[in-house]
Each structure stands twice: as structure tokens, then as C-alpha cells.
Protein backbone atom coordinates (compact mmCIF):
# COMPACT_ATOMS: atom_id res chain seq x y z
CA MET A 1 24.26 -2.23 26.99
CA THR A 2 21.67 -2.03 23.76
CA ASP A 3 19.85 -4.40 22.87
CA ILE A 4 19.83 -3.29 18.87
CA LEU A 5 17.29 -6.26 16.86
CA PHE A 6 17.04 -6.54 13.37
CA ARG A 7 13.21 -7.51 12.38
CA ASN A 8 11.20 -8.08 8.56
CA GLU A 9 8.00 -5.98 9.01
CA SER A 10 5.93 -8.37 6.93
CA ASP A 11 5.96 -10.93 10.01
CA GLY A 12 7.82 -9.72 13.21
CA SER A 13 11.08 -12.48 12.49
CA ALA A 14 14.56 -11.61 13.34
CA PHE A 15 17.05 -11.29 11.28
CA GLU A 16 20.90 -10.77 11.81
CA MET A 17 22.44 -8.11 10.15
CA THR A 18 25.66 -9.75 8.73
CA GLN A 19 27.01 -7.44 6.67
CA PRO A 20 31.00 -6.92 7.00
CA LYS A 21 30.78 -3.30 7.38
CA ALA A 22 27.80 -2.98 9.64
CA ALA A 23 29.47 -3.72 13.06
CA ARG A 24 31.40 -0.16 13.05
CA VAL A 25 28.12 1.48 12.65
CA LEU A 26 26.01 -0.98 14.83
CA GLY A 27 28.77 -0.17 17.25
CA ASP A 28 28.11 3.87 16.84
CA VAL A 29 24.56 3.20 17.48
CA ARG A 30 25.49 1.20 20.61
CA ALA A 31 27.03 4.34 22.27
CA TRP A 32 24.21 6.91 20.53
CA ALA A 33 21.83 4.54 22.37
CA ALA A 34 23.77 4.59 25.48
CA THR A 35 24.06 8.52 25.63
CA ASN A 36 21.40 9.33 24.73
CA GLY A 37 19.32 6.54 27.70
CA PHE A 38 17.79 4.13 25.13
CA GLU A 39 17.92 -0.08 26.68
CA HIS A 40 16.95 -1.20 22.57
CA ILE A 41 16.70 -0.08 18.98
CA THR A 42 14.45 -2.51 16.45
CA PHE A 43 15.18 -1.70 13.14
CA TRP A 44 12.13 -2.84 10.99
CA ARG A 45 12.54 -4.38 6.97
CA ASP A 46 9.93 -2.46 5.32
CA ALA A 47 7.62 -4.73 3.56
CA GLU A 48 7.59 -3.42 0.59
CA ASP A 49 10.93 -1.89 0.02
CA ALA A 50 13.91 -4.17 1.43
CA SER A 51 16.30 -0.85 1.25
CA LYS A 52 13.78 1.06 3.71
CA TYR A 53 14.41 -0.12 7.98
CA TRP A 54 12.48 1.78 10.21
CA VAL A 55 13.68 3.16 13.00
CA GLN A 56 11.81 1.94 16.67
CA LEU A 57 13.51 3.82 19.88
CA GLY A 58 12.30 2.08 23.10
CA GLU A 59 8.95 0.82 22.88
CA ASP A 60 8.35 3.87 20.04
CA ARG A 61 7.83 3.08 16.54
CA LEU A 62 8.72 6.08 14.38
CA HIS A 63 8.00 6.98 11.14
CA TYR A 64 10.94 7.83 9.79
CA TRP A 65 13.88 5.18 8.13
CA ILE A 66 17.21 4.74 7.56
CA HIS A 67 18.83 2.90 4.57
CA GLU A 68 20.07 -0.20 4.03
CA THR A 69 23.03 1.02 2.54
CA THR A 70 23.93 2.77 5.96
CA PHE A 71 24.77 -0.37 7.16
CA SER A 72 26.29 -2.76 4.11
CA GLU A 73 28.70 -0.03 3.21
CA GLY A 74 29.52 1.24 6.45
CA HIS A 75 27.93 4.32 6.88
CA HIS A 76 28.73 5.37 10.81
CA GLU A 77 29.64 9.08 10.01
CA ASN A 78 25.83 9.55 9.55
CA VAL A 79 24.17 7.22 11.72
CA GLU A 80 24.06 9.15 14.38
CA MET A 81 22.35 12.26 12.91
CA GLN A 82 20.23 9.86 11.69
CA LEU A 83 19.34 8.67 14.79
CA ASP A 84 18.87 12.55 16.42
CA TYR A 85 16.43 13.13 13.38
CA ALA A 86 14.65 10.02 14.49
CA ARG A 87 14.87 11.28 17.98
CA GLY A 88 13.40 14.21 17.02
CA ALA A 89 10.51 12.11 15.11
CA GLN A 90 9.55 10.19 18.67
CA ARG A 91 9.47 13.54 20.06
CA ARG A 92 7.25 15.79 17.73
CA ALA A 93 4.93 12.11 17.89
CA SER A 94 5.30 12.51 22.11
CA ALA A 95 3.53 16.62 20.96
CA GLY A 96 1.03 14.94 19.01
CA TYR A 97 2.60 16.36 16.45
CA ASP A 98 3.39 12.74 13.99
CA LYS A 99 0.12 13.53 12.07
CA PHE A 100 2.12 15.91 9.96
CA ASP A 101 5.20 13.80 9.32
CA LYS A 102 2.57 11.12 7.62
């Protein structure tokens, strides 16, 4: 089963995603991770803008974020597409193109 972590970028501390509507989204994230071979996914809450959750797939921390409302408002229908985009960012970084994403 995939580990899904939420951390604060400011100090690295973990926090729980307790929004009631987040359960469906987290289920979809786990299913996506299992299909795509990721054992853990971490969402880092931005230090300056708490509505941005930066994505880390496995060991790769990416220059791609998902909005907090995806979890708090239960936008499960969008999360698979957003994680596909994040995986694309991971591939660009591996190829050395991440410098163009900033």
C-alpha cells in the first residue's frame, strides 16, 4: 500500500489531512500510485502560500503543485490528471529539462 504523507515545507513537520472530503481523493491517489509504481507520495505545504501543496513522487520532489481545495473540497475527478502532469514534470527533470519549468 502506498504511503501518502503531508508535510510543512517551512519545518518539515508532518500533518494529517483531516478534511472529510479528502478520503475519496486520497483513495484515488493511492490507486494512481499503485498503478504507476510509487510506494510513497508526499505533498509539501508551501511556506508562503498554504493553498499550494508541492508534489513529491517517490524520492523526486517536483516543481509542480496541487491546490489545497483538491483535498478540502474533494475534487477526486481531477487528481489523477494532476498526478499524471506531476509524473510528466518528474520525467522532464530526469531528462534535464526541469530548469525550463521554473
